[in-house]
Amino acid sequence: MPDIFGVIADATRRDILQILLEKHVQSAEISVSEIVAQLELSQPTVSKHLKVLRDAELVSVREEGQHRFYSLDPEPLEMVEDFVIPFLSAGFDTEVTVEYLSESGERLPDPEESGEVLSEEVAAAAGNLGRAVATAEHRVKELVARFRLH
C-alpha cells in the first residue's frame, strides 16, 4: 500500500477526495466525467489521480460498460487521523473523572477500590457506555480538528 501521506499530499487528489466525500455523505457514487467537469481538468489527469487513490484503497470503482463510477473508502484515512489528532488536541484536557452515585444521588465508593464485582449485565452495560464515551470523545476531537483547520 502506498504511503497515505504521500497520496493525500497532492492538491488535485485532495480535491477529488473532497468531491467523493460529498457523494459519500449522500451514499452515492460519481462518474469520472462528472469529476472532470467539476475540477475542470483533463480526463487523463483525473484518471491518473484516481488510479493513485485506487492503489491506496481510498476509492473503489464500479464499472458499467465503458463508464466507471467511483466512491470513497475513508477507512485508510483513519491512519492519518490517528497520527494528526494528538497534535491537534494537545493542550486539551480530555481526562474523564468517574463518580459512582446511588439512585438517590449519594456518592458510592469506586468498585475497583472496594473489590466489588459487577454482574454480567451491569458489566456489559458499562462496556457499552465506555464505547459510547470513547466514540463521543473521538467525535469531539474530530470537530476540534476541523475547526482548527478552517
Protein backbone atom coordinates (compact mmCIF):
# COMPACT_ATOMS: atom_id res chain seq x y z
CA MET A 1 0.00 0.00 0.00
CA PRO A 2 1.40 3.45 -0.90
CA ASP A 3 2.23 5.90 1.87
CA ILE A 4 -1.13 7.51 2.65
CA PHE A 5 0.53 10.84 3.49
CA GLY A 6 2.18 10.97 0.06
CA VAL A 7 -1.13 10.15 -1.60
CA ILE A 8 -3.04 12.97 0.10
CA ALA A 9 -0.14 15.43 -0.25
CA ASP A 10 -1.24 16.21 -3.81
CA ALA A 11 -3.77 19.06 -4.04
CA THR A 12 -5.62 17.55 -7.01
CA ARG A 13 -6.11 14.25 -5.18
CA ARG A 14 -7.39 16.15 -2.15
CA ASP A 15 -9.87 17.95 -4.43
CA ILE A 16 -11.02 14.60 -5.81
CA LEU A 17 -11.37 13.21 -2.29
CA GLN A 18 -13.46 16.26 -1.33
CA ILE A 19 -15.83 15.63 -4.25
CA LEU A 20 -16.03 11.95 -3.33
CA LEU A 21 -16.73 12.87 0.29
CA GLU A 22 -19.73 14.95 -0.76
CA LYS A 23 -21.09 11.93 -2.65
CA HIS A 24 -20.18 9.56 0.21
CA VAL A 25 -22.32 11.58 2.62
CA GLN A 26 -25.21 11.10 0.17
CA SER A 27 -24.40 7.36 -0.15
CA ALA A 28 -23.79 7.99 -3.85
CA GLU A 29 -21.04 7.49 -6.35
CA ILE A 30 -19.75 9.71 -9.14
CA SER A 31 -18.54 9.15 -12.68
CA VAL A 32 -15.12 10.15 -13.96
CA SER A 33 -16.74 12.60 -16.37
CA GLU A 34 -18.56 14.33 -13.50
CA ILE A 35 -15.28 14.69 -11.59
CA VAL A 36 -13.61 16.04 -14.75
CA ALA A 37 -16.40 18.61 -15.15
CA GLN A 38 -16.27 19.74 -11.51
CA LEU A 39 -12.49 20.11 -11.44
CA GLU A 40 -12.18 21.42 -14.99
CA LEU A 41 -9.21 19.11 -15.60
CA SER A 42 -8.49 16.72 -18.44
CA GLN A 43 -9.86 13.20 -18.25
CA PRO A 44 -6.35 11.63 -18.39
CA THR A 45 -5.23 13.79 -15.45
CA VAL A 46 -8.24 12.84 -13.34
CA SER A 47 -7.85 9.16 -14.28
CA LYS A 48 -4.16 9.24 -13.28
CA HIS A 49 -5.04 10.63 -9.85
CA LEU A 50 -7.94 8.19 -9.42
CA LYS A 51 -5.52 5.32 -10.06
CA VAL A 52 -3.26 6.57 -7.26
CA LEU A 53 -6.29 6.82 -4.96
CA ARG A 54 -7.39 3.31 -6.01
CA ASP A 55 -3.93 1.90 -5.30
CA ALA A 56 -4.09 3.49 -1.84
CA GLU A 57 -7.54 1.88 -1.37
CA LEU A 58 -9.11 5.29 -0.75
CA VAL A 59 -11.63 4.81 -3.54
CA SER A 60 -13.50 1.92 -5.06
CA VAL A 61 -14.66 1.72 -8.64
CA ARG A 62 -17.68 0.15 -10.25
CA GLU A 63 -17.59 -0.44 -13.98
CA GLU A 64 -20.74 -0.22 -16.06
CA GLY A 65 -19.99 -0.65 -19.73
CA GLN A 66 -17.41 1.97 -20.63
CA HIS A 67 -18.29 4.11 -17.61
CA ARG A 68 -16.56 3.99 -14.25
CA PHE A 69 -18.23 5.15 -11.06
CA TYR A 70 -16.14 5.99 -8.02
CA SER A 71 -16.93 6.05 -4.33
CA LEU A 72 -14.88 6.99 -1.28
CA ASP A 73 -13.50 4.48 1.19
CA PRO A 74 -12.46 6.67 4.14
CA GLU A 75 -11.06 3.82 6.26
CA PRO A 76 -7.38 4.29 5.22
CA LEU A 77 -7.63 7.92 6.33
CA GLU A 78 -8.07 6.72 9.91
CA MET A 79 -4.29 6.24 9.96
CA VAL A 80 -3.89 9.95 9.19
CA GLU A 81 -6.45 10.84 11.82
CA ASP A 82 -4.70 8.68 14.42
CA PHE A 83 -1.46 10.48 13.65
CA VAL A 84 -2.84 14.03 13.50
CA ILE A 85 -5.38 14.11 16.36
CA PRO A 86 -2.79 14.05 19.18
CA PHE A 87 -1.18 17.15 17.67
CA LEU A 88 -4.48 18.96 17.26
CA SER A 89 -5.76 18.06 20.70
CA ALA A 90 -2.52 18.86 22.54
CA GLY A 91 -3.32 21.15 25.42
CA PHE A 92 -6.92 19.96 25.71
CA ASP A 93 -7.72 18.18 28.93
CA THR A 94 -9.54 15.01 27.93
CA GLU A 95 -9.27 13.23 31.25
CA VAL A 96 -12.56 11.77 32.41
CA THR A 97 -13.42 11.66 36.08
CA VAL A 98 -15.87 8.99 37.12
CA GLU A 99 -18.04 9.10 40.19
CA TYR A 100 -20.42 6.38 41.22
CA LEU A 101 -23.76 7.60 42.54
CA SER A 102 -26.68 5.73 44.01
CA GLU A 103 -30.20 6.30 42.68
CA SER A 104 -30.70 8.88 45.42
CA GLY A 105 -27.55 10.75 44.31
CA GLU A 106 -25.38 9.58 47.20
CA ARG A 107 -21.70 9.08 46.27
CA LEU A 108 -20.66 5.41 46.25
CA PRO A 109 -17.16 4.01 46.63
CA ASP A 110 -15.22 3.10 43.47
CA PRO A 111 -15.93 -0.60 42.77
CA GLU A 112 -12.27 -1.22 41.94
CA GLU A 113 -11.21 0.12 45.34
CA SER A 114 -13.91 -1.73 47.25
CA GLY A 115 -13.31 -5.02 45.41
CA GLU A 116 -16.95 -5.29 44.26
CA VAL A 117 -17.59 -7.34 41.15
CA LEU A 118 -20.22 -6.25 38.64
CA SER A 119 -22.86 -8.61 37.37
CA GLU A 120 -22.51 -9.65 33.71
CA GLU A 121 -25.47 -7.47 32.76
CA VAL A 122 -24.04 -4.40 34.50
CA ALA A 123 -20.54 -5.11 33.11
CA ALA A 124 -21.99 -5.33 29.59
CA ALA A 125 -23.86 -2.05 30.08
CA ALA A 126 -20.70 -0.42 31.42
CA GLY A 127 -18.78 -1.67 28.39
CA ASN A 128 -21.41 -0.20 26.08
CA LEU A 129 -21.27 3.09 27.95
CA GLY A 130 -17.49 3.12 27.75
CA ARG A 131 -17.60 2.59 23.99
CA ALA A 132 -20.17 5.37 23.64
CA VAL A 133 -17.97 7.75 25.65
CA ALA A 134 -14.91 6.82 23.56
CA THR A 135 -16.89 7.43 20.35
CA ALA A 136 -18.12 10.79 21.65
CA GLU A 137 -14.58 11.80 22.65
CA HIS A 138 -13.36 10.80 19.17
CA ARG A 139 -16.07 12.92 17.54
CA VAL A 140 -15.27 15.92 19.74
CA LYS A 141 -11.58 15.67 18.86
CA GLU A 142 -12.53 15.40 15.19
CA LEU A 143 -14.66 18.55 15.44
CA VAL A 144 -11.90 20.42 17.24
CA ALA A 145 -9.50 19.36 14.49
CA ARG A 146 -11.89 20.58 11.78
CA PHE A 147 -12.34 23.96 13.46
CA ARG A 148 -8.58 24.38 13.76
CA LEU A 149 -8.13 23.58 10.08
CA HIS A 150 -10.60 26.26 8.93
